[in-house]
Amino acid sequence: MAALGIVVLLLVSLPWLWTTLTARGHVYSEADAPTADVVIVLGTAVQADRQRPGNRLAGRLETAAELVTSGRARVVLVSGDGGGTSGDEPAVMTSYLSELGVDPRRVVADPFGLDTYDSCARAREVYGVERALIVTQSYHLSRAVTLCRHLGLDVDGVTARCDGCGPVLLAEKSVRDYFASGKAAWDAVRNRASAVRSPADPAIQNALRG
């Protein structure tokens, strides 16, 4: 029975191993981040007032703003749910980046990045991104990098700041991401189309030329 349990655990863990091993060598701290024209910021919940980013989202945006300020990126693609239960994530993200000193002409918002897979797929298919940095917290980063690379983007992940992320929260989110890797692998295997299909949008290229 013990041997069977080990086999089952290994099988269940295969998607997580896939995301972890594929991302190896493509995950960086903010200080060590490489350069790319575009940095993708993945959305998450905003505050109850629906006007301000939550702590984790603020950390992602602050990291992206620093990448722009330091010259490691030129344009920010904020990708989230424009009709989310907590509010319009990309609109809040765009506003906060402006407060952080990022030129609004350098920010492009995708309101249909409904999950990590969709954000990666749409960055490539709709906005024509081929090379990018992607910013999210440590517990989410390997899955994000792996999905984007699977979908044809040459991405490197940058670990976002996470003020207020104590050990309990990090453990909870890591467990959640462990199980979310199963969905990621299933989406990848069946080459799932993004939930919202859109025509090509030149906003990224326009922002780079501006």
N, C-alpha and C. Protein backbone atom coordinates (compact mmCIF):
# COMPACT_ATOMS: atom_id res chain seq x y z
N MET A 1 0.83 -1.21 0.00
CA MET A 1 0.00 0.00 0.00
C MET A 1 0.86 1.26 0.00
N ALA A 2 1.96 1.20 0.75
CA ALA A 2 2.85 2.37 0.79
C ALA A 2 3.42 2.66 -0.59
N ALA A 3 3.81 1.59 -1.31
CA ALA A 3 4.37 1.78 -2.65
C ALA A 3 3.32 2.38 -3.58
N LEU A 4 2.09 1.89 -3.45
CA LEU A 4 1.00 2.43 -4.28
C LEU A 4 0.77 3.90 -3.98
N GLY A 5 0.83 4.24 -2.72
CA GLY A 5 0.65 5.63 -2.33
C GLY A 5 1.73 6.53 -2.92
N ILE A 6 2.96 6.03 -2.94
CA ILE A 6 4.06 6.80 -3.53
C ILE A 6 3.85 7.01 -5.01
N VAL A 7 3.39 5.94 -5.70
CA VAL A 7 3.14 6.04 -7.14
C VAL A 7 2.04 7.06 -7.42
N VAL A 8 0.97 7.00 -6.64
CA VAL A 8 -0.13 7.95 -6.82
C VAL A 8 0.34 9.38 -6.60
N LEU A 9 1.15 9.58 -5.54
CA LEU A 9 1.66 10.91 -5.23
C LEU A 9 2.52 11.44 -6.38
N LEU A 10 3.35 10.56 -6.95
CA LEU A 10 4.21 10.98 -8.06
C LEU A 10 3.37 11.37 -9.27
N LEU A 11 2.33 10.58 -9.55
CA LEU A 11 1.48 10.89 -10.70
C LEU A 11 0.75 12.21 -10.51
N VAL A 12 0.23 12.41 -9.30
CA VAL A 12 -0.48 13.67 -9.00
C VAL A 12 0.47 14.85 -9.09
N SER A 13 1.74 14.61 -8.76
CA SER A 13 2.72 15.69 -8.72
C SER A 13 3.35 16.00 -10.09
N LEU A 14 3.08 15.19 -11.10
CA LEU A 14 3.71 15.40 -12.40
C LEU A 14 3.46 16.80 -12.98
N PRO A 15 2.22 17.32 -12.94
CA PRO A 15 2.03 18.68 -13.47
C PRO A 15 2.85 19.73 -12.72
N TRP A 16 2.91 19.61 -11.40
CA TRP A 16 3.71 20.55 -10.62
C TRP A 16 5.19 20.43 -10.96
N LEU A 17 5.67 19.20 -11.14
CA LEU A 17 7.06 19.01 -11.53
C LEU A 17 7.33 19.61 -12.90
N TRP A 18 6.36 19.47 -13.81
CA TRP A 18 6.49 20.05 -15.14
C TRP A 18 6.66 21.56 -15.06
N THR A 19 5.79 22.22 -14.31
CA THR A 19 5.89 23.68 -14.22
C THR A 19 7.18 24.11 -13.52
N THR A 20 7.58 23.38 -12.50
CA THR A 20 8.77 23.75 -11.73
C THR A 20 10.04 23.57 -12.54
N LEU A 21 10.16 22.42 -13.22
CA LEU A 21 11.39 22.13 -13.95
C LEU A 21 11.50 22.95 -15.23
N THR A 22 10.38 23.18 -15.89
CA THR A 22 10.41 23.97 -17.13
C THR A 22 10.83 25.40 -16.86
N ALA A 23 10.41 25.93 -15.71
CA ALA A 23 10.73 27.33 -15.38
C ALA A 23 12.16 27.50 -14.87
N ARG A 24 12.82 26.40 -14.54
CA ARG A 24 14.16 26.51 -13.98
C ARG A 24 15.09 27.24 -14.96
N GLY A 25 15.82 28.19 -14.43
CA GLY A 25 16.71 28.99 -15.26
C GLY A 25 16.05 30.21 -15.88
N HIS A 26 14.74 30.36 -15.63
CA HIS A 26 13.99 31.48 -16.19
C HIS A 26 13.28 32.30 -15.11
N VAL A 27 13.74 32.17 -13.88
CA VAL A 27 13.12 32.90 -12.76
C VAL A 27 14.19 33.75 -12.09
N TYR A 28 13.88 35.04 -11.90
CA TYR A 28 14.86 35.99 -11.39
C TYR A 28 14.26 36.84 -10.28
N SER A 29 15.15 37.36 -9.45
CA SER A 29 14.75 38.39 -8.50
C SER A 29 14.62 39.71 -9.25
N GLU A 30 13.98 40.68 -8.62
CA GLU A 30 13.86 42.00 -9.23
C GLU A 30 15.23 42.59 -9.54
N ALA A 31 16.17 42.45 -8.64
CA ALA A 31 17.50 43.04 -8.81
C ALA A 31 18.29 42.39 -9.94
N ASP A 32 18.02 41.11 -10.21
CA ASP A 32 18.79 40.37 -11.22
C ASP A 32 18.04 40.18 -12.53
N ALA A 33 16.91 40.84 -12.69
CA ALA A 33 16.07 40.62 -13.87
C ALA A 33 16.80 40.99 -15.15
N PRO A 34 16.62 40.19 -16.21
CA PRO A 34 17.17 40.56 -17.51
C PRO A 34 16.34 41.67 -18.15
N THR A 35 16.57 41.96 -19.41
CA THR A 35 15.84 43.01 -20.09
C THR A 35 14.88 42.43 -21.13
N ALA A 36 13.83 43.18 -21.39
CA ALA A 36 12.87 42.85 -22.45
C ALA A 36 12.08 44.11 -22.75
N ASP A 37 11.58 44.23 -23.96
CA ASP A 37 10.78 45.41 -24.29
C ASP A 37 9.50 45.48 -23.47
N VAL A 38 8.93 44.30 -23.17
CA VAL A 38 7.60 44.24 -22.54
C VAL A 38 7.69 43.50 -21.21
N VAL A 39 6.98 44.02 -20.21
CA VAL A 39 6.80 43.29 -18.96
C VAL A 39 5.30 43.05 -18.79
N ILE A 40 4.93 41.80 -18.57
CA ILE A 40 3.53 41.42 -18.37
C ILE A 40 3.26 41.33 -16.88
N VAL A 41 2.21 42.00 -16.42
CA VAL A 41 1.82 41.92 -15.01
C VAL A 41 0.48 41.20 -14.94
N LEU A 42 0.44 40.11 -14.21
CA LEU A 42 -0.78 39.30 -14.09
C LEU A 42 -1.69 39.88 -13.00
N GLY A 43 -2.96 39.95 -13.30
CA GLY A 43 -3.92 40.53 -12.37
C GLY A 43 -4.27 39.61 -11.22
N THR A 44 -4.79 40.20 -10.17
CA THR A 44 -5.37 39.48 -9.04
C THR A 44 -6.29 40.47 -8.33
N ALA A 45 -6.85 40.08 -7.21
CA ALA A 45 -7.92 40.85 -6.57
C ALA A 45 -7.51 42.28 -6.22
N VAL A 46 -8.49 43.20 -6.39
CA VAL A 46 -8.31 44.58 -5.95
C VAL A 46 -8.99 44.74 -4.59
N GLN A 47 -8.81 45.91 -3.98
CA GLN A 47 -9.38 46.13 -2.65
C GLN A 47 -10.90 46.27 -2.71
N ALA A 48 -11.52 46.26 -1.55
CA ALA A 48 -12.98 46.29 -1.46
C ALA A 48 -13.57 47.55 -2.08
N ASP A 49 -12.78 48.64 -2.11
CA ASP A 49 -13.30 49.88 -2.70
C ASP A 49 -13.32 49.83 -4.22
N ARG A 50 -12.74 48.78 -4.80
CA ARG A 50 -12.70 48.54 -6.24
C ARG A 50 -11.89 49.61 -6.98
N GLN A 51 -11.11 50.39 -6.24
CA GLN A 51 -10.33 51.47 -6.83
C GLN A 51 -8.82 51.28 -6.65
N ARG A 52 -8.44 50.48 -5.67
CA ARG A 52 -7.04 50.31 -5.32
C ARG A 52 -6.64 48.85 -5.42
N PRO A 53 -5.38 48.58 -5.76
CA PRO A 53 -4.94 47.18 -5.83
C PRO A 53 -4.80 46.58 -4.44
N GLY A 54 -5.07 45.30 -4.33
CA GLY A 54 -4.77 44.59 -3.10
C GLY A 54 -3.26 44.51 -2.89
N ASN A 55 -2.84 44.02 -1.74
CA ASN A 55 -1.42 44.01 -1.41
C ASN A 55 -0.59 43.24 -2.43
N ARG A 56 -1.08 42.07 -2.84
CA ARG A 56 -0.30 41.26 -3.78
C ARG A 56 -0.25 41.92 -5.15
N LEU A 57 -1.36 42.49 -5.59
CA LEU A 57 -1.38 43.17 -6.88
C LEU A 57 -0.49 44.41 -6.84
N ALA A 58 -0.54 45.15 -5.75
CA ALA A 58 0.33 46.32 -5.61
C ALA A 58 1.79 45.92 -5.70
N GLY A 59 2.15 44.81 -5.09
CA GLY A 59 3.53 44.34 -5.15
C GLY A 59 3.96 44.03 -6.57
N ARG A 60 3.07 43.41 -7.34
CA ARG A 60 3.40 43.11 -8.73
C ARG A 60 3.62 44.39 -9.53
N LEU A 61 2.76 45.36 -9.31
CA LEU A 61 2.85 46.62 -10.06
C LEU A 61 4.08 47.42 -9.64
N GLU A 62 4.41 47.41 -8.38
CA GLU A 62 5.60 48.12 -7.91
C GLU A 62 6.87 47.50 -8.51
N THR A 63 6.89 46.19 -8.61
CA THR A 63 8.03 45.52 -9.24
C THR A 63 8.13 45.89 -10.71
N ALA A 64 6.99 45.87 -11.42
CA ALA A 64 6.99 46.23 -12.84
C ALA A 64 7.43 47.66 -13.04
N ALA A 65 6.96 48.57 -12.18
CA ALA A 65 7.34 49.97 -12.30
C ALA A 65 8.85 50.14 -12.13
N GLU A 66 9.42 49.39 -11.21
CA GLU A 66 10.87 49.46 -11.01
C GLU A 66 11.62 48.93 -12.23
N LEU A 67 11.08 47.90 -12.87
CA LEU A 67 11.72 47.36 -14.07
C LEU A 67 11.73 48.40 -15.18
N VAL A 68 10.65 49.17 -15.28
CA VAL A 68 10.60 50.24 -16.28
C VAL A 68 11.56 51.37 -15.91
N THR A 69 11.52 51.77 -14.66
CA THR A 69 12.37 52.87 -14.19
C THR A 69 13.85 52.55 -14.37
N SER A 70 14.21 51.30 -14.14
CA SER A 70 15.62 50.89 -14.24
C SER A 70 16.04 50.57 -15.67
N GLY A 71 15.11 50.65 -16.61
CA GLY A 71 15.44 50.41 -18.01
C GLY A 71 15.43 48.96 -18.43
N ARG A 72 14.93 48.08 -17.57
CA ARG A 72 14.88 46.67 -17.94
C ARG A 72 13.67 46.33 -18.81
N ALA A 73 12.68 47.21 -18.84
CA ALA A 73 11.50 47.03 -19.69
C ALA A 73 11.04 48.40 -20.16
N ARG A 74 10.29 48.42 -21.26
CA ARG A 74 9.85 49.70 -21.83
C ARG A 74 8.34 49.88 -21.77
N VAL A 75 7.60 48.78 -21.93
CA VAL A 75 6.14 48.83 -21.97
C VAL A 75 5.59 47.79 -21.01
N VAL A 76 4.50 48.14 -20.32
CA VAL A 76 3.85 47.23 -19.38
C VAL A 76 2.53 46.77 -19.97
N LEU A 77 2.34 45.46 -20.04
CA LEU A 77 1.05 44.88 -20.41
C LEU A 77 0.38 44.38 -19.14
N VAL A 78 -0.68 45.07 -18.71
CA VAL A 78 -1.41 44.63 -17.52
C VAL A 78 -2.55 43.73 -17.99
N SER A 79 -2.58 42.52 -17.50
CA SER A 79 -3.52 41.53 -17.99
C SER A 79 -4.33 40.96 -16.84
N GLY A 80 -5.63 41.18 -16.88
CA GLY A 80 -6.50 40.69 -15.81
C GLY A 80 -7.94 40.66 -16.25
N ASP A 81 -8.81 40.49 -15.30
CA ASP A 81 -10.24 40.36 -15.56
C ASP A 81 -10.90 41.74 -15.44
N GLY A 82 -11.34 42.27 -16.58
CA GLY A 82 -11.98 43.58 -16.57
C GLY A 82 -13.36 43.58 -15.95
N GLY A 83 -13.95 42.41 -15.78
CA GLY A 83 -15.27 42.31 -15.17
C GLY A 83 -15.27 41.40 -13.97
N GLY A 84 -14.16 41.39 -13.24
CA GLY A 84 -14.01 40.49 -12.10
C GLY A 84 -14.92 40.84 -10.94
N THR A 85 -15.11 39.88 -10.04
CA THR A 85 -16.00 40.10 -8.90
C THR A 85 -15.48 41.19 -7.98
N SER A 86 -14.16 41.41 -7.96
CA SER A 86 -13.60 42.43 -7.07
C SER A 86 -13.48 43.78 -7.77
N GLY A 87 -13.67 43.81 -9.08
CA GLY A 87 -13.55 45.07 -9.79
C GLY A 87 -12.79 44.90 -11.09
N ASP A 88 -12.56 46.02 -11.79
CA ASP A 88 -11.87 46.03 -13.07
C ASP A 88 -10.36 46.02 -12.81
N GLU A 89 -9.77 44.83 -12.84
CA GLU A 89 -8.35 44.70 -12.49
C GLU A 89 -7.44 45.54 -13.38
N PRO A 90 -7.54 45.45 -14.72
CA PRO A 90 -6.62 46.22 -15.56
C PRO A 90 -6.75 47.73 -15.38
N ALA A 91 -7.97 48.22 -15.15
CA ALA A 91 -8.15 49.66 -14.94
C ALA A 91 -7.46 50.11 -13.65
N VAL A 92 -7.61 49.32 -12.60
CA VAL A 92 -6.95 49.64 -11.33
C VAL A 92 -5.44 49.56 -11.48
N MET A 93 -4.98 48.56 -12.22
CA MET A 93 -3.54 48.39 -12.43
C MET A 93 -2.96 49.57 -13.20
N THR A 94 -3.67 50.00 -14.23
CA THR A 94 -3.21 51.13 -15.04
C THR A 94 -3.12 52.40 -14.21
N SER A 95 -4.15 52.64 -13.39
CA SER A 95 -4.16 53.82 -12.55
C SER A 95 -3.02 53.81 -11.54
N TYR A 96 -2.77 52.66 -10.93
CA TYR A 96 -1.72 52.58 -9.92
C TYR A 96 -0.34 52.76 -10.54
N LEU A 97 -0.13 52.21 -11.72
CA LEU A 97 1.15 52.40 -12.40
C LEU A 97 1.40 53.88 -12.67
N SER A 98 0.35 54.60 -13.02
CA SER A 98 0.49 56.04 -13.24
C SER A 98 0.93 56.74 -11.95
N GLU A 99 0.35 56.32 -10.82
CA GLU A 99 0.75 56.88 -9.54
C GLU A 99 2.22 56.59 -9.23
N LEU A 100 2.69 55.46 -9.72
CA LEU A 100 4.08 55.05 -9.49
C LEU A 100 5.05 55.73 -10.46
N GLY A 101 4.52 56.55 -11.36
CA GLY A 101 5.37 57.30 -12.25
C GLY A 101 5.58 56.71 -13.63
N VAL A 102 4.83 55.64 -13.96
CA VAL A 102 4.94 55.04 -15.29
C VAL A 102 4.06 55.83 -16.26
N ASP A 103 4.64 56.25 -17.37
CA ASP A 103 3.92 57.01 -18.38
C ASP A 103 2.73 56.18 -18.88
N PRO A 104 1.51 56.70 -18.79
CA PRO A 104 0.33 55.94 -19.26
C PRO A 104 0.43 55.51 -20.72
N ARG A 105 1.22 56.22 -21.51
CA ARG A 105 1.40 55.83 -22.91
C ARG A 105 2.22 54.55 -23.03
N ARG A 106 2.86 54.15 -21.94
CA ARG A 106 3.67 52.93 -21.92
C ARG A 106 2.93 51.76 -21.28
N VAL A 107 1.64 51.93 -21.04
CA VAL A 107 0.84 50.87 -20.40
C VAL A 107 -0.27 50.44 -21.35
N VAL A 108 -0.38 49.14 -21.57
CA VAL A 108 -1.44 48.55 -22.39
C VAL A 108 -2.24 47.61 -21.50
N ALA A 109 -3.56 47.73 -21.56
CA ALA A 109 -4.43 46.92 -20.69
C ALA A 109 -5.17 45.86 -21.50
N ASP A 110 -5.08 44.62 -21.04
CA ASP A 110 -5.88 43.52 -21.60
C ASP A 110 -6.93 43.13 -20.57
N PRO A 111 -8.22 43.45 -20.84
CA PRO A 111 -9.27 43.15 -19.87
C PRO A 111 -9.78 41.71 -19.93
N PHE A 112 -9.18 40.90 -20.80
CA PHE A 112 -9.65 39.53 -20.96
C PHE A 112 -8.59 38.50 -20.58
N GLY A 113 -7.65 38.91 -19.74
CA GLY A 113 -6.71 37.93 -19.18
C GLY A 113 -7.36 37.26 -17.99
N LEU A 114 -8.30 36.37 -18.29
CA LEU A 114 -9.17 35.82 -17.25
C LEU A 114 -8.46 34.82 -16.34
N ASP A 115 -7.38 34.25 -16.82
CA ASP A 115 -6.53 33.42 -15.97
C ASP A 115 -5.13 33.45 -16.55
N THR A 116 -4.21 32.74 -15.93
CA THR A 116 -2.81 32.80 -16.37
C THR A 116 -2.65 32.32 -17.80
N TYR A 117 -3.32 31.23 -18.14
CA TYR A 117 -3.23 30.69 -19.50
C TYR A 117 -3.72 31.72 -20.51
N ASP A 118 -4.86 32.33 -20.25
CA ASP A 118 -5.41 33.32 -21.18
C ASP A 118 -4.49 34.52 -21.30
N SER A 119 -3.91 34.98 -20.20
CA SER A 119 -2.99 36.12 -20.26
C SER A 119 -1.81 35.82 -21.18
N CYS A 120 -1.26 34.63 -21.06
CA CYS A 120 -0.12 34.26 -21.91
C CYS A 120 -0.55 34.11 -23.37
N ALA A 121 -1.67 33.41 -23.59
CA ALA A 121 -2.13 33.18 -24.96
C ALA A 121 -2.45 34.49 -25.66
N ARG A 122 -3.13 35.39 -24.98
CA ARG A 122 -3.53 36.64 -25.60
C ARG A 122 -2.33 37.58 -25.80
N ALA A 123 -1.35 37.55 -24.91
CA ALA A 123 -0.15 38.36 -25.11
C ALA A 123 0.50 38.00 -26.44
N ARG A 124 0.52 36.71 -26.74
CA ARG A 124 1.15 36.25 -28.00
C ARG A 124 0.22 36.46 -29.19
N GLU A 125 -1.03 36.01 -29.08
CA GLU A 125 -1.92 35.98 -30.23
C GLU A 125 -2.55 37.34 -30.55
N VAL A 126 -2.90 38.10 -29.54
CA VAL A 126 -3.60 39.37 -29.76
C VAL A 126 -2.61 40.54 -29.84
N TYR A 127 -1.64 40.57 -28.92
CA TYR A 127 -0.75 41.72 -28.83
C TYR A 127 0.60 41.50 -29.50
N GLY A 128 0.83 40.32 -30.03
CA GLY A 128 2.04 40.06 -30.79
C GLY A 128 3.32 40.05 -30.00
N VAL A 129 3.22 39.78 -28.71
CA VAL A 129 4.42 39.74 -27.86
C VAL A 129 5.19 38.44 -28.12
N GLU A 130 6.46 38.56 -28.34
CA GLU A 130 7.31 37.39 -28.54
C GLU A 130 8.31 37.21 -27.40
N ARG A 131 8.78 38.30 -26.85
CA ARG A 131 9.77 38.27 -25.77
C ARG A 131 9.27 39.18 -24.65
N ALA A 132 9.30 38.71 -23.41
CA ALA A 132 8.77 39.52 -22.31
C ALA A 132 9.32 39.04 -20.97
N LEU A 133 9.21 39.89 -19.99
CA LEU A 133 9.32 39.52 -18.59
C LEU A 133 7.90 39.34 -18.08
N ILE A 134 7.71 38.48 -17.10
CA ILE A 134 6.39 38.32 -16.50
C ILE A 134 6.53 38.41 -14.99
N VAL A 135 5.65 39.17 -14.36
CA VAL A 135 5.77 39.47 -12.93
C VAL A 135 4.58 38.93 -12.16
N THR A 136 4.87 38.15 -11.13
CA THR A 136 3.88 37.69 -10.17
C THR A 136 4.63 37.19 -8.95
N GLN A 137 3.90 36.79 -7.90
CA GLN A 137 4.57 36.35 -6.68
C GLN A 137 5.23 34.97 -6.87
N SER A 138 6.13 34.66 -5.95
CA SER A 138 6.98 33.47 -6.08
C SER A 138 6.18 32.18 -6.23
N TYR A 139 5.09 32.05 -5.49
CA TYR A 139 4.33 30.80 -5.50
C TYR A 139 3.63 30.57 -6.85
N HIS A 140 3.49 31.60 -7.65
CA HIS A 140 2.75 31.54 -8.92
C HIS A 140 3.69 31.59 -10.12
N LEU A 141 4.93 31.98 -9.89
CA LEU A 141 5.80 32.37 -10.99
C LEU A 141 6.18 31.21 -11.91
N SER A 142 6.52 30.06 -11.37
CA SER A 142 6.92 28.94 -12.22
C SER A 142 5.80 28.51 -13.15
N ARG A 143 4.58 28.48 -12.64
CA ARG A 143 3.44 28.10 -13.49
C ARG A 143 3.24 29.13 -14.60
N ALA A 144 3.35 30.40 -14.27
CA ALA A 144 3.18 31.46 -15.26
C ALA A 144 4.25 31.38 -16.35
N VAL A 145 5.49 31.21 -15.94
CA VAL A 145 6.59 31.12 -16.90
C VAL A 145 6.40 29.90 -17.81
N THR A 146 6.06 28.77 -17.22
CA THR A 146 5.91 27.55 -17.99
C THR A 146 4.78 27.65 -19.02
N LEU A 147 3.64 28.18 -18.60
CA LEU A 147 2.53 28.32 -19.53
C LEU A 147 2.88 29.27 -20.68
N CYS A 148 3.49 30.40 -20.36
CA CYS A 148 3.84 31.35 -21.42
C CYS A 148 4.85 30.73 -22.38
N ARG A 149 5.83 30.04 -21.87
CA ARG A 149 6.83 29.43 -22.74
C ARG A 149 6.20 28.33 -23.59
N HIS A 150 5.29 27.58 -23.00
CA HIS A 150 4.59 26.55 -23.77
C HIS A 150 3.80 27.16 -24.92
N LEU A 151 3.27 28.37 -24.71
CA LEU A 151 2.45 29.03 -25.71
C LEU A 151 3.25 29.89 -26.69
N GLY A 152 4.56 29.76 -26.65
CA GLY A 152 5.39 30.38 -27.67
C GLY A 152 6.02 31.70 -27.31
N LEU A 153 5.93 32.12 -26.06
CA LEU A 153 6.57 33.37 -25.64
C LEU A 153 7.93 33.06 -25.01
N ASP A 154 8.91 33.83 -25.39
CA ASP A 154 10.22 33.74 -24.75
C ASP A 154 10.17 34.63 -23.51
N VAL A 155 9.81 34.05 -22.36
CA VAL A 155 9.62 34.84 -21.16
C VAL A 155 10.60 34.44 -20.06
N ASP A 156 10.92 35.41 -19.24
CA ASP A 156 11.63 35.19 -17.99
C ASP A 156 10.75 35.76 -16.88
N GLY A 157 10.67 35.05 -15.78
CA GLY A 157 9.84 35.49 -14.66
C GLY A 157 10.62 36.33 -13.67
N VAL A 158 9.93 37.32 -13.12
CA VAL A 158 10.53 38.18 -12.09
C VAL A 158 9.64 38.11 -10.85
N THR A 159 10.24 37.77 -9.73
CA THR A 159 9.48 37.62 -8.49
C THR A 159 9.00 38.97 -7.98
N ALA A 160 7.69 39.08 -7.80
CA ALA A 160 7.09 40.34 -7.35
C ALA A 160 7.29 40.53 -5.85
N ARG A 161 7.29 41.79 -5.46
CA ARG A 161 7.26 42.12 -4.05
C ARG A 161 5.97 41.58 -3.43
N CYS A 162 6.00 41.34 -2.14
CA CYS A 162 4.82 40.74 -1.51
C CYS A 162 4.72 41.21 -0.06
N ASP A 163 4.55 42.52 0.12
CA ASP A 163 4.40 43.07 1.46
C ASP A 163 3.18 42.45 2.14
N GLY A 164 3.36 42.02 3.36
CA GLY A 164 2.26 41.42 4.10
C GLY A 164 2.05 39.95 3.81
N CYS A 165 2.89 39.37 2.98
CA CYS A 165 2.76 37.94 2.68
C CYS A 165 3.52 37.14 3.73
N GLY A 166 2.83 36.78 4.78
CA GLY A 166 3.44 36.00 5.84
C GLY A 166 3.55 34.54 5.46
N PRO A 167 4.19 33.74 6.32
CA PRO A 167 4.40 32.32 6.00
C PRO A 167 3.12 31.53 5.82
N VAL A 168 2.07 31.87 6.56
CA VAL A 168 0.81 31.14 6.42
C VAL A 168 0.20 31.39 5.05
N LEU A 169 0.17 32.65 4.64
CA LEU A 169 -0.38 32.99 3.33
C LEU A 169 0.43 32.35 2.22
N LEU A 170 1.74 32.42 2.32
CA LEU A 170 2.59 31.83 1.28
C LEU A 170 2.39 30.32 1.18
N ALA A 171 2.25 29.67 2.34
CA ALA A 171 2.01 28.24 2.33
C ALA A 171 0.66 27.92 1.69
N GLU A 172 -0.35 28.69 2.04
CA GLU A 172 -1.69 28.48 1.48
C GLU A 172 -1.69 28.66 -0.03
N LYS A 173 -1.02 29.71 -0.50
CA LYS A 173 -0.98 29.98 -1.93
C LYS A 173 -0.14 28.94 -2.67
N SER A 174 0.90 28.45 -2.04
CA SER A 174 1.74 27.43 -2.67
C SER A 174 0.96 26.13 -2.85
N VAL A 175 0.15 25.78 -1.85
CA VAL A 175 -0.69 24.57 -1.96
C VAL A 175 -1.71 24.75 -3.08
N ARG A 176 -2.32 25.92 -3.13
CA ARG A 176 -3.30 26.21 -4.19
C ARG A 176 -2.64 26.08 -5.56
N ASP A 177 -1.43 26.61 -5.68
CA ASP A 177 -0.75 26.57 -6.98
C ASP A 177 -0.33 25.16 -7.35
N TYR A 178 -0.02 24.34 -6.35
CA TYR A 178 0.31 22.94 -6.59
C TYR A 178 -0.85 22.25 -7.32
N PHE A 179 -2.06 22.49 -6.86
CA PHE A 179 -3.22 21.87 -7.50
C PHE A 179 -3.58 22.58 -8.80
N ALA A 180 -3.33 23.89 -8.88
CA ALA A 180 -3.62 24.63 -10.12
C ALA A 180 -2.72 24.16 -11.26
N SER A 181 -1.57 23.59 -10.94
CA SER A 181 -0.68 23.11 -12.00
C SER A 181 -1.32 21.97 -12.78
N GLY A 182 -2.24 21.24 -12.16
CA GLY A 182 -2.96 20.20 -12.89
C GLY A 182 -3.81 20.77 -14.00
N LYS A 183 -4.53 21.85 -13.71
CA LYS A 183 -5.33 22.52 -14.74
C LYS A 183 -4.43 23.10 -15.82
N ALA A 184 -3.29 23.66 -15.40
CA ALA A 184 -2.35 24.24 -16.37
C ALA A 184 -1.88 23.17 -17.35
N ALA A 185 -1.53 22.00 -16.83
CA ALA A 185 -1.07 20.92 -17.70
C ALA A 185 -2.18 20.45 -18.64
N TRP A 186 -3.40 20.36 -18.12
CA TRP A 186 -4.52 19.94 -18.96
C TRP A 186 -4.81 20.95 -20.06
N ASP A 187 -4.76 22.23 -19.72
CA ASP A 187 -4.94 23.28 -20.73
C ASP A 187 -3.87 23.18 -21.81
N ALA A 188 -2.64 22.93 -21.39
CA ALA A 188 -1.54 22.84 -22.34
C ALA A 188 -1.67 21.62 -23.24
N VAL A 189 -2.02 20.49 -22.66
CA VAL A 189 -2.13 19.25 -23.43
C VAL A 189 -3.19 19.37 -24.51
N ARG A 190 -4.32 19.97 -24.18
CA ARG A 190 -5.41 20.08 -25.16
C ARG A 190 -5.36 21.37 -25.98
N ASN A 191 -4.28 22.17 -25.75
CA ASN A 191 -4.08 23.40 -26.51
C ASN A 191 -5.34 24.27 -26.47
N ARG A 192 -5.83 24.50 -25.28
CA ARG A 192 -7.08 25.24 -25.11
C ARG A 192 -7.01 26.63 -25.71
N ALA A 193 -8.07 27.02 -26.38
CA ALA A 193 -8.17 28.39 -26.89
C ALA A 193 -8.48 29.33 -25.73
N SER A 194 -8.04 30.57 -25.82
CA SER A 194 -8.37 31.54 -24.78
C SER A 194 -9.88 31.77 -24.75
N ALA A 195 -10.39 32.13 -23.59
CA ALA A 195 -11.84 32.23 -23.40
C ALA A 195 -12.46 33.31 -24.28
N VAL A 196 -11.73 34.38 -24.52
CA VAL A 196 -12.22 35.48 -25.36
C VAL A 196 -11.27 35.64 -26.54
N ARG A 197 -11.79 35.51 -27.73
CA ARG A 197 -10.98 35.68 -28.93
C ARG A 197 -11.11 37.11 -29.43
N SER A 198 -9.99 37.72 -29.76
CA SER A 198 -9.97 39.11 -30.20
C SER A 198 -9.10 39.25 -31.44
N PRO A 199 -9.37 40.26 -32.27
CA PRO A 199 -8.49 40.51 -33.41
C PRO A 199 -7.14 41.03 -32.94
N ALA A 200 -6.15 40.98 -33.80
CA ALA A 200 -4.83 41.48 -33.47
C ALA A 200 -4.91 42.95 -33.06
N ASP A 201 -4.17 43.30 -32.02
CA ASP A 201 -4.18 44.65 -31.49
C ASP A 201 -2.75 45.20 -31.52
N PRO A 202 -2.50 46.31 -32.22
CA PRO A 202 -1.13 46.84 -32.34
C PRO A 202 -0.71 47.73 -31.16
N ALA A 203 -1.45 47.71 -30.06
CA ALA A 203 -1.19 48.65 -28.96
C ALA A 203 0.24 48.54 -28.41
N ILE A 204 0.75 47.33 -28.29
CA ILE A 204 2.11 47.15 -27.77
C ILE A 204 3.12 47.77 -28.73
N GLN A 205 3.00 47.47 -30.01
CA GLN A 205 3.93 48.00 -31.00
C GLN A 205 3.86 49.52 -31.05
N ASN A 206 2.64 50.06 -30.94
CA ASN A 206 2.47 51.51 -30.94
C ASN A 206 3.15 52.15 -29.72
N ALA A 207 2.98 51.51 -28.57
CA ALA A 207 3.58 52.04 -27.36
C ALA A 207 5.11 52.00 -27.44
N LEU A 208 5.66 50.96 -28.05
CA LEU A 208 7.11 50.85 -28.19
C LEU A 208 7.66 51.92 -29.14
N ARG A 209 6.86 52.29 -30.12
CA ARG A 209 7.29 53.33 -31.07
C ARG A 209 7.12 54.72 -30.50
N GLY A 210 6.24 54.85 -29.48
CA GLY A 210 5.92 56.18 -28.97
C GLY A 210 7.03 56.81 -28.15
